Amino acid sequence: MKQPKSLKKTSSGLLGALAIASGSSAYAAVVSVAPPPDLSNTPGGATTTENWDVNLDGIVDFGFQNRYPNSGTHVNWQLNFYPVPAGNGVVGYVGPFINYADALSFGTSIGPASTFQTSAQVCLGSNYGGTLYGGFAVEVPPGTNAYAGFQFTAADGIHYGWVFLNINAGIIDFTGAAYESTPGVAITAGAVPEPGTMAMLALGAVGVLGVVAKRRRS
């Protein structure tokens, strides 16, 4: 039996929309991940560290370090975010002594055009002899939530991501993290996975086709 033209057009349009949505999902998808546990220290305490495997592939991508010697004239406290494998990096800048992470605002693009620091030590923020250094101590006051951007290498290429945190003397407090599942595609700070577009379109398609079929029968 021949389908009416109206039903053919409706079916074709809905299938096209589903195909486009499917293609878009394949090209880019944000993956939310658990950030590391909060990292704390006390004045004069031993340095504490925490490793982070971003995509849970069994490879440590980054480490966090909490130093709190409280030395007075030298390092009072210093909180570091450091790449582990070669090629991993943190969005930041070259400072007066070491490399520092930028404190990024919501919506900042993190991707191929960003400047990444790939050294073994990228400082989130520090207090050296009473002077504050680093993005999380100068660009925003200590204790302010902001985003740190990063890139890491997986089996399929370089991925970009963000981690939401704040620092203060002796504490790194993590709130959330995510990365772009498609290698080479930029992510914006604070981006989270979109609702199930495919599921919504599929439900809409079933509903519309049902209405068309009903009209046809009547």
Protein backbone atom coordinates (compact mmCIF):
# COMPACT_ATOMS: atom_id res chain seq x y z
CA MET A 1 0.00 0.00 0.00
CA LYS A 2 1.26 3.45 -0.94
CA GLN A 3 2.00 5.93 1.85
CA PRO A 4 0.30 9.35 1.57
CA LYS A 5 2.71 12.16 0.72
CA SER A 6 2.04 13.88 4.06
CA LEU A 7 3.10 10.76 5.98
CA LYS A 8 6.15 10.28 3.77
CA LYS A 9 7.29 13.88 4.31
CA THR A 10 6.70 13.72 8.06
CA SER A 11 8.58 10.43 8.37
CA SER A 12 11.44 11.73 6.24
CA GLY A 13 11.75 14.95 8.23
CA LEU A 14 11.75 13.20 11.59
CA LEU A 15 14.27 10.63 10.48
CA GLY A 16 16.46 13.45 9.19
CA ALA A 17 16.25 15.25 12.51
CA LEU A 18 17.18 12.06 14.33
CA ALA A 19 20.11 11.51 11.99
CA ILE A 20 21.37 15.06 12.57
CA ALA A 21 21.04 14.70 16.33
CA SER A 22 22.82 11.37 16.19
CA GLY A 23 25.65 12.89 14.20
CA SER A 24 25.95 15.86 16.57
CA SER A 25 26.14 13.57 19.60
CA ALA A 26 28.86 11.54 17.92
CA TYR A 27 30.96 14.62 17.20
CA ALA A 28 30.83 16.22 20.64
CA ALA A 29 29.77 15.16 24.12
CA VAL A 30 30.68 16.55 27.52
CA VAL A 31 31.42 13.91 30.16
CA SER A 32 31.00 14.80 33.83
CA VAL A 33 33.59 13.12 36.07
CA ALA A 34 34.23 12.95 39.79
CA PRO A 35 36.89 15.43 40.94
CA PRO A 36 39.62 14.30 43.35
CA PRO A 37 38.90 14.24 47.09
CA ASP A 38 39.48 17.56 48.86
CA LEU A 39 43.09 18.00 49.92
CA SER A 40 43.83 19.54 53.33
CA ASN A 41 46.88 20.32 55.40
CA THR A 42 47.78 22.03 58.67
CA PRO A 43 50.42 24.71 59.43
CA GLY A 44 53.80 22.99 59.44
CA GLY A 45 52.27 19.70 58.29
CA ALA A 46 53.87 17.26 55.87
CA THR A 47 53.17 17.80 52.16
CA THR A 48 50.04 15.96 51.01
CA THR A 49 49.30 14.79 47.46
CA GLU A 50 46.38 13.36 45.48
CA ASN A 51 46.47 11.65 42.06
CA TRP A 52 43.70 12.05 39.48
CA ASP A 53 42.80 9.70 36.62
CA VAL A 54 40.37 11.95 34.70
CA ASN A 55 38.82 9.40 32.31
CA LEU A 56 39.33 6.29 34.49
CA ASP A 57 41.56 4.51 31.97
CA GLY A 58 44.02 3.39 34.65
CA ILE A 59 46.54 6.15 33.85
CA VAL A 60 47.16 9.00 36.31
CA ASP A 61 46.74 12.24 34.36
CA PHE A 62 47.38 14.86 37.05
CA GLY A 63 48.44 15.26 40.62
CA PHE A 64 47.58 17.86 43.26
CA GLN A 65 50.01 18.89 45.98
CA ASN A 66 49.36 20.74 49.22
CA ARG A 67 52.40 22.33 50.91
CA TYR A 68 51.93 24.22 54.16
CA PRO A 69 55.37 24.71 55.77
CA ASN A 70 54.26 28.05 57.27
CA SER A 71 57.86 29.20 57.10
CA GLY A 72 57.15 32.92 57.43
CA THR A 73 59.91 34.43 55.28
CA HIS A 74 59.70 31.83 52.48
CA VAL A 75 56.81 29.55 51.46
CA ASN A 76 53.90 29.91 53.87
CA TRP A 77 51.61 27.72 51.71
CA GLN A 78 51.61 26.52 48.13
CA LEU A 79 48.99 24.48 46.24
CA ASN A 80 50.00 22.82 42.98
CA PHE A 81 48.21 21.17 40.04
CA TYR A 82 50.77 19.21 38.04
CA PRO A 83 50.62 17.21 34.78
CA VAL A 84 51.93 13.66 34.96
CA PRO A 85 52.35 12.18 31.43
CA ALA A 86 54.13 14.30 28.82
CA GLY A 87 51.68 16.35 26.78
CA ASN A 88 49.25 16.96 29.62
CA GLY A 89 48.94 20.55 30.71
CA VAL A 90 47.11 23.22 32.70
CA VAL A 91 45.83 26.53 31.30
CA GLY A 92 48.12 29.15 32.79
CA TYR A 93 51.09 31.47 32.46
CA VAL A 94 54.79 31.74 33.29
CA GLY A 95 55.13 33.58 36.58
CA PRO A 96 58.05 35.27 38.33
CA PHE A 97 59.37 32.01 39.83
CA ILE A 98 57.36 29.08 38.44
CA ASN A 99 54.34 28.43 36.21
CA TYR A 100 50.87 29.28 37.47
CA ALA A 101 47.31 28.20 36.64
CA ASP A 102 44.77 30.77 35.50
CA ALA A 103 41.53 31.08 37.48
CA LEU A 104 39.00 30.90 34.64
CA SER A 105 35.47 32.25 34.67
CA PHE A 106 32.36 30.36 33.55
CA GLY A 107 32.11 30.04 29.77
CA THR A 108 35.84 30.46 29.04
CA SER A 109 36.88 28.32 26.06
CA ILE A 110 39.47 25.63 26.83
CA GLY A 111 40.95 24.07 23.71
CA PRO A 112 43.67 24.13 21.05
CA ALA A 113 43.96 27.94 21.22
CA SER A 114 44.58 27.96 24.99
CA THR A 115 48.03 28.37 26.55
CA PHE A 116 48.96 25.25 28.53
CA GLN A 117 51.73 24.91 31.06
CA THR A 118 53.18 21.41 30.84
CA SER A 119 55.94 21.56 33.45
CA ALA A 120 56.03 19.20 36.42
CA GLN A 121 54.77 21.98 38.70
CA VAL A 122 51.90 24.36 37.91
CA CYS A 123 50.96 26.40 40.95
CA LEU A 124 47.29 27.15 41.65
CA GLY A 125 48.24 29.72 44.26
CA SER A 126 50.76 30.42 46.98
CA ASN A 127 51.78 32.73 49.78
CA TYR A 128 55.51 33.40 49.60
CA GLY A 129 56.87 35.60 52.38
CA GLY A 130 53.46 37.24 52.75
CA THR A 131 52.96 37.92 49.00
CA LEU A 132 50.27 36.07 47.05
CA TYR A 133 51.04 34.48 43.68
CA GLY A 134 49.04 32.49 41.14
CA GLY A 135 45.64 32.74 39.51
CA PHE A 136 43.75 31.37 42.51
CA ALA A 137 45.36 33.91 44.82
CA VAL A 138 45.78 36.99 42.59
CA GLU A 139 43.17 36.75 39.80
CA VAL A 140 40.58 35.74 42.42
CA PRO A 141 40.96 35.96 46.21
CA PRO A 142 41.76 32.70 48.02
CA GLY A 143 38.54 30.85 48.80
CA THR A 144 36.82 31.98 45.57
CA ASN A 145 35.42 29.25 43.32
CA ALA A 146 36.85 29.33 39.79
CA TYR A 147 37.71 26.95 36.96
CA ALA A 148 41.09 25.49 36.07
CA GLY A 149 41.39 24.30 32.47
CA PHE A 150 43.44 21.31 31.39
CA GLN A 151 44.35 19.03 28.51
CA PHE A 152 45.20 15.34 28.77
CA THR A 153 46.21 12.65 26.31
CA ALA A 154 44.12 9.48 25.93
CA ALA A 155 44.42 6.58 23.48
CA ASP A 156 42.42 8.49 20.85
CA GLY A 157 44.12 11.88 21.19
CA ILE A 158 44.12 15.08 23.27
CA HIS A 159 41.02 15.97 25.31
CA TYR A 160 40.15 19.25 27.02
CA GLY A 161 38.42 19.70 30.35
CA TRP A 162 37.78 21.80 33.44
CA VAL A 163 37.82 21.34 37.19
CA PHE A 164 35.90 23.69 39.52
CA LEU A 165 37.67 24.43 42.80
CA ASN A 166 38.87 26.94 45.31
CA ILE A 167 41.99 27.14 47.43
CA ASN A 168 42.97 28.68 50.71
CA ALA A 169 45.78 28.20 53.19
CA GLY A 170 46.06 24.42 53.54
CA ILE A 171 42.99 23.40 51.50
CA ILE A 172 42.00 22.53 47.93
CA ASP A 173 38.22 22.22 47.78
CA PHE A 174 36.90 20.50 44.64
CA THR A 175 33.33 20.98 43.41
CA GLY A 176 33.08 19.38 39.96
CA ALA A 177 34.86 18.44 36.74
CA ALA A 178 34.15 17.49 33.12
CA TYR A 179 35.93 16.87 29.83
CA GLU A 180 35.08 16.78 26.12
CA SER A 181 34.82 13.18 24.90
CA THR A 182 35.84 14.03 21.33
CA PRO A 183 39.59 14.56 20.93
CA GLY A 184 40.66 17.97 19.68
CA VAL A 185 37.31 19.64 20.45
CA ALA A 186 37.28 22.61 22.83
CA ILE A 187 35.09 22.75 25.93
CA THR A 188 33.78 25.78 27.81
CA ALA A 189 34.42 26.10 31.53
CA GLY A 190 31.34 24.87 33.37
CA ALA A 191 29.89 22.93 30.41
CA VAL A 192 27.88 19.89 31.47
CA PRO A 193 26.27 17.04 29.50
CA GLU A 194 23.13 18.05 27.58
CA PRO A 195 19.79 16.31 28.22
CA GLY A 196 19.05 13.17 26.18
CA THR A 197 18.36 14.86 22.86
CA MET A 198 17.97 11.56 21.06
CA ALA A 199 15.41 10.27 23.55
CA MET A 200 13.39 13.49 23.33
CA LEU A 201 13.39 13.44 19.53
CA ALA A 202 12.44 9.78 19.45
CA LEU A 203 9.45 10.39 21.73
CA GLY A 204 8.41 13.34 19.60
CA ALA A 205 8.69 11.26 16.44
CA VAL A 206 6.47 8.52 17.88
CA GLY A 207 3.87 11.08 18.92
CA VAL A 208 3.75 12.90 15.57
CA LEU A 209 3.67 9.71 13.53
CA GLY A 210 0.83 8.47 15.73
CA VAL A 211 -1.21 11.61 15.03
CA VAL A 212 -0.56 11.32 11.27
CA ALA A 213 -1.55 7.66 11.24
CA LYS A 214 -4.73 8.45 13.18
CA ARG A 215 -5.71 11.16 10.70
CA ARG A 216 -5.01 8.78 7.83
CA ARG A 217 -7.32 6.11 9.32
CA SER A 218 -10.11 8.62 9.89
